[in-house]
Amino acid sequence: MGDPWEGNPNNSSELMTEAELVEYLRIPEVSKSKDYHNVIENLKRVHQLPRIHICGKPLYPRGAIKEWVKGKTTNGK
């Protein structure tokens, strides 16, 4: 497995903005919230959504988000 910071074959950034994360998690399809920022804030506060801050802005590492989703995945109801 190569270095995750090298070029991405899918031409997508390893660090996602909040808007990219909203789309990645398909929040518009599953949330009735009118403000998706509030959904992300809830995921950070209640579910320890992984992120880093660069220049005061939160960015979301794609690999960490994938692992977070795997950790939150349940079987059954």
N, C-alpha and C. Protein backbone atom coordinates (compact mmCIF):
# COMPACT_ATOMS: atom_id res chain seq x y z
N MET A 1 0.84 -1.18 0.00
CA MET A 1 0.00 0.00 0.00
C MET A 1 0.89 1.24 0.00
N GLY A 2 0.58 2.21 -0.86
CA GLY A 2 1.41 3.39 -1.00
C GLY A 2 1.15 4.43 0.07
N ASP A 3 1.93 5.50 -0.02
CA ASP A 3 1.80 6.62 0.90
C ASP A 3 0.47 7.32 0.65
N PRO A 4 -0.40 7.47 1.68
CA PRO A 4 -1.70 8.10 1.46
C PRO A 4 -1.61 9.56 1.05
N TRP A 5 -0.45 10.19 1.23
CA TRP A 5 -0.31 11.60 0.88
C TRP A 5 0.15 11.78 -0.55
N GLU A 6 0.48 10.66 -1.24
CA GLU A 6 0.84 10.76 -2.64
C GLU A 6 -0.41 10.94 -3.47
N GLY A 7 -0.25 11.18 -4.76
CA GLY A 7 -1.38 11.42 -5.65
C GLY A 7 -2.48 10.39 -5.51
N ASN A 8 -3.70 10.85 -5.51
CA ASN A 8 -4.86 9.98 -5.36
C ASN A 8 -5.37 9.61 -6.74
N PRO A 9 -5.50 8.31 -7.05
CA PRO A 9 -5.96 7.92 -8.38
C PRO A 9 -7.38 8.38 -8.69
N ASN A 10 -8.18 8.67 -7.67
CA ASN A 10 -9.54 9.14 -7.90
C ASN A 10 -9.60 10.65 -8.06
N ASN A 11 -8.43 11.30 -8.00
CA ASN A 11 -8.34 12.75 -8.14
C ASN A 11 -9.18 13.49 -7.09
N SER A 12 -9.26 12.92 -5.89
CA SER A 12 -9.96 13.59 -4.81
C SER A 12 -8.98 13.83 -3.67
N SER A 13 -9.17 14.92 -2.97
CA SER A 13 -8.25 15.32 -1.92
C SER A 13 -8.34 14.38 -0.72
N GLU A 14 -7.21 14.15 -0.11
CA GLU A 14 -7.17 13.33 1.11
C GLU A 14 -7.82 14.08 2.28
N LEU A 15 -7.79 15.41 2.24
CA LEU A 15 -8.41 16.23 3.28
C LEU A 15 -9.65 16.89 2.69
N MET A 16 -10.79 16.59 3.29
CA MET A 16 -12.05 17.13 2.78
C MET A 16 -12.47 18.36 3.58
N THR A 17 -13.10 19.30 2.90
CA THR A 17 -13.74 20.43 3.57
C THR A 17 -15.07 19.95 4.15
N GLU A 18 -15.71 20.81 4.94
CA GLU A 18 -17.01 20.42 5.49
C GLU A 18 -18.03 20.16 4.37
N ALA A 19 -18.02 20.98 3.34
CA ALA A 19 -18.96 20.79 2.23
C ALA A 19 -18.72 19.45 1.53
N GLU A 20 -17.45 19.08 1.35
CA GLU A 20 -17.13 17.79 0.73
C GLU A 20 -17.55 16.64 1.64
N LEU A 21 -17.35 16.82 2.94
CA LEU A 21 -17.76 15.78 3.90
C LEU A 21 -19.26 15.58 3.88
N VAL A 22 -20.01 16.67 3.82
CA VAL A 22 -21.48 16.59 3.77
C VAL A 22 -21.90 15.73 2.58
N GLU A 23 -21.28 15.95 1.44
CA GLU A 23 -21.61 15.16 0.25
C GLU A 23 -21.13 13.72 0.41
N TYR A 24 -19.92 13.54 0.94
CA TYR A 24 -19.34 12.21 1.12
C TYR A 24 -20.24 11.33 2.01
N LEU A 25 -20.76 11.93 3.09
CA LEU A 25 -21.63 11.20 4.01
C LEU A 25 -23.09 11.16 3.55
N ARG A 26 -23.39 11.83 2.43
CA ARG A 26 -24.73 11.86 1.83
C ARG A 26 -25.76 12.46 2.79
N ILE A 27 -25.33 13.43 3.55
CA ILE A 27 -26.21 14.05 4.55
C ILE A 27 -27.47 14.65 3.93
N PRO A 28 -27.41 15.30 2.77
CA PRO A 28 -28.65 15.84 2.19
C PRO A 28 -29.70 14.76 1.90
N GLU A 29 -29.25 13.55 1.68
CA GLU A 29 -30.17 12.45 1.38
C GLU A 29 -30.79 11.83 2.63
N VAL A 30 -30.12 11.96 3.77
CA VAL A 30 -30.59 11.27 4.97
C VAL A 30 -31.05 12.18 6.11
N SER A 31 -30.76 13.46 6.00
CA SER A 31 -31.11 14.39 7.07
C SER A 31 -32.22 15.34 6.64
N LYS A 32 -33.10 15.63 7.57
CA LYS A 32 -34.15 16.62 7.31
C LYS A 32 -33.72 18.02 7.75
N SER A 33 -32.51 18.12 8.29
CA SER A 33 -32.00 19.40 8.76
C SER A 33 -31.85 20.37 7.59
N LYS A 34 -32.15 21.62 7.84
CA LYS A 34 -31.95 22.65 6.82
C LYS A 34 -30.52 23.18 6.85
N ASP A 35 -29.82 22.95 7.95
CA ASP A 35 -28.45 23.43 8.11
C ASP A 35 -27.53 22.24 8.36
N TYR A 36 -26.84 21.83 7.31
CA TYR A 36 -25.97 20.65 7.41
C TYR A 36 -24.78 20.88 8.33
N HIS A 37 -24.41 22.13 8.54
CA HIS A 37 -23.33 22.44 9.48
C HIS A 37 -23.70 21.93 10.88
N ASN A 38 -24.97 22.08 11.25
CA ASN A 38 -25.42 21.59 12.56
C ASN A 38 -25.29 20.07 12.66
N VAL A 39 -25.54 19.37 11.57
CA VAL A 39 -25.39 17.91 11.55
C VAL A 39 -23.93 17.55 11.81
N ILE A 40 -23.02 18.24 11.12
CA ILE A 40 -21.59 17.97 11.30
C ILE A 40 -21.16 18.30 12.72
N GLU A 41 -21.63 19.42 13.26
CA GLU A 41 -21.30 19.78 14.64
C GLU A 41 -21.77 18.71 15.62
N ASN A 42 -22.95 18.17 15.41
CA ASN A 42 -23.46 17.09 16.26
C ASN A 42 -22.58 15.85 16.14
N LEU A 43 -22.18 15.50 14.93
CA LEU A 43 -21.31 14.33 14.75
C LEU A 43 -19.97 14.53 15.44
N LYS A 44 -19.45 15.74 15.42
CA LYS A 44 -18.20 16.03 16.12
C LYS A 44 -18.38 15.90 17.63
N ARG A 45 -19.43 16.51 18.14
CA ARG A 45 -19.66 16.58 19.59
C ARG A 45 -20.06 15.23 20.18
N VAL A 46 -20.98 14.55 19.54
CA VAL A 46 -21.57 13.34 20.12
C VAL A 46 -20.86 12.06 19.65
N HIS A 47 -20.34 12.08 18.43
CA HIS A 47 -19.81 10.84 17.85
C HIS A 47 -18.32 10.90 17.51
N GLN A 48 -17.63 11.91 18.02
CA GLN A 48 -16.18 12.04 17.86
C GLN A 48 -15.74 11.95 16.39
N LEU A 49 -16.40 12.69 15.53
CA LEU A 49 -16.04 12.74 14.12
C LEU A 49 -14.59 13.20 13.99
N PRO A 50 -13.72 12.43 13.32
CA PRO A 50 -12.31 12.79 13.23
C PRO A 50 -12.08 14.01 12.33
N ARG A 51 -11.16 14.88 12.78
CA ARG A 51 -10.84 16.07 12.01
C ARG A 51 -9.51 16.62 12.49
N ILE A 52 -8.94 17.47 11.67
CA ILE A 52 -7.76 18.24 12.06
C ILE A 52 -8.07 19.70 11.75
N HIS A 53 -7.34 20.59 12.36
CA HIS A 53 -7.53 22.02 12.10
C HIS A 53 -6.26 22.56 11.46
N ILE A 54 -6.42 23.23 10.34
CA ILE A 54 -5.32 23.90 9.66
C ILE A 54 -5.76 25.34 9.46
N CYS A 55 -4.98 26.25 9.96
CA CYS A 55 -5.31 27.69 9.88
C CYS A 55 -6.69 27.97 10.44
N GLY A 56 -7.04 27.26 11.50
CA GLY A 56 -8.31 27.48 12.17
C GLY A 56 -9.51 26.84 11.49
N LYS A 57 -9.30 26.14 10.40
CA LYS A 57 -10.40 25.51 9.67
C LYS A 57 -10.35 24.00 9.88
N PRO A 58 -11.50 23.39 10.17
CA PRO A 58 -11.51 21.92 10.29
C PRO A 58 -11.44 21.27 8.91
N LEU A 59 -10.60 20.27 8.81
CA LEU A 59 -10.52 19.44 7.61
C LEU A 59 -10.66 18.00 8.05
N TYR A 60 -11.19 17.18 7.17
CA TYR A 60 -11.57 15.82 7.52
C TYR A 60 -10.79 14.83 6.65
N PRO A 61 -9.81 14.11 7.26
CA PRO A 61 -9.03 13.15 6.50
C PRO A 61 -9.91 12.00 6.00
N ARG A 62 -9.90 11.79 4.70
CA ARG A 62 -10.75 10.79 4.07
C ARG A 62 -10.56 9.40 4.70
N GLY A 63 -9.31 8.98 4.92
CA GLY A 63 -9.04 7.67 5.49
C GLY A 63 -9.59 7.53 6.91
N ALA A 64 -9.44 8.59 7.71
CA ALA A 64 -9.95 8.56 9.09
C ALA A 64 -11.48 8.52 9.09
N ILE A 65 -12.09 9.21 8.14
CA ILE A 65 -13.56 9.20 8.06
C ILE A 65 -14.03 7.80 7.67
N LYS A 66 -13.33 7.16 6.73
CA LYS A 66 -13.71 5.78 6.35
C LYS A 66 -13.62 4.85 7.55
N GLU A 67 -12.56 4.98 8.34
CA GLU A 67 -12.40 4.13 9.53
C GLU A 67 -13.47 4.46 10.57
N TRP A 68 -13.80 5.72 10.73
CA TRP A 68 -14.85 6.14 11.66
C TRP A 68 -16.19 5.53 11.26
N VAL A 69 -16.50 5.56 9.97
CA VAL A 69 -17.75 4.95 9.49
C VAL A 69 -17.76 3.46 9.79
N LYS A 70 -16.64 2.78 9.52
CA LYS A 70 -16.55 1.34 9.83
C LYS A 70 -16.79 1.08 11.31
N GLY A 71 -16.23 1.92 12.16
CA GLY A 71 -16.41 1.76 13.60
C GLY A 71 -17.83 2.03 14.08
N LYS A 72 -18.56 2.85 13.34
CA LYS A 72 -19.93 3.18 13.71
C LYS A 72 -20.95 2.23 13.09
N THR A 73 -20.49 1.36 12.20
CA THR A 73 -21.40 0.45 11.49
C THR A 73 -21.88 -0.65 12.44
N THR A 74 -23.19 -0.89 12.40
CA THR A 74 -23.78 -1.93 13.25
C THR A 74 -24.49 -2.96 12.38
N ASN A 75 -24.75 -4.11 12.97
CA ASN A 75 -25.52 -5.16 12.29
C ASN A 75 -26.91 -5.21 12.93
N GLY A 76 -27.90 -5.43 12.13
CA GLY A 76 -29.26 -5.54 12.67
C GLY A 76 -29.87 -4.18 12.90
N LYS A 77 -30.81 -4.13 13.84
CA LYS A 77 -31.56 -2.89 14.10
C LYS A 77 -30.81 -1.95 15.00
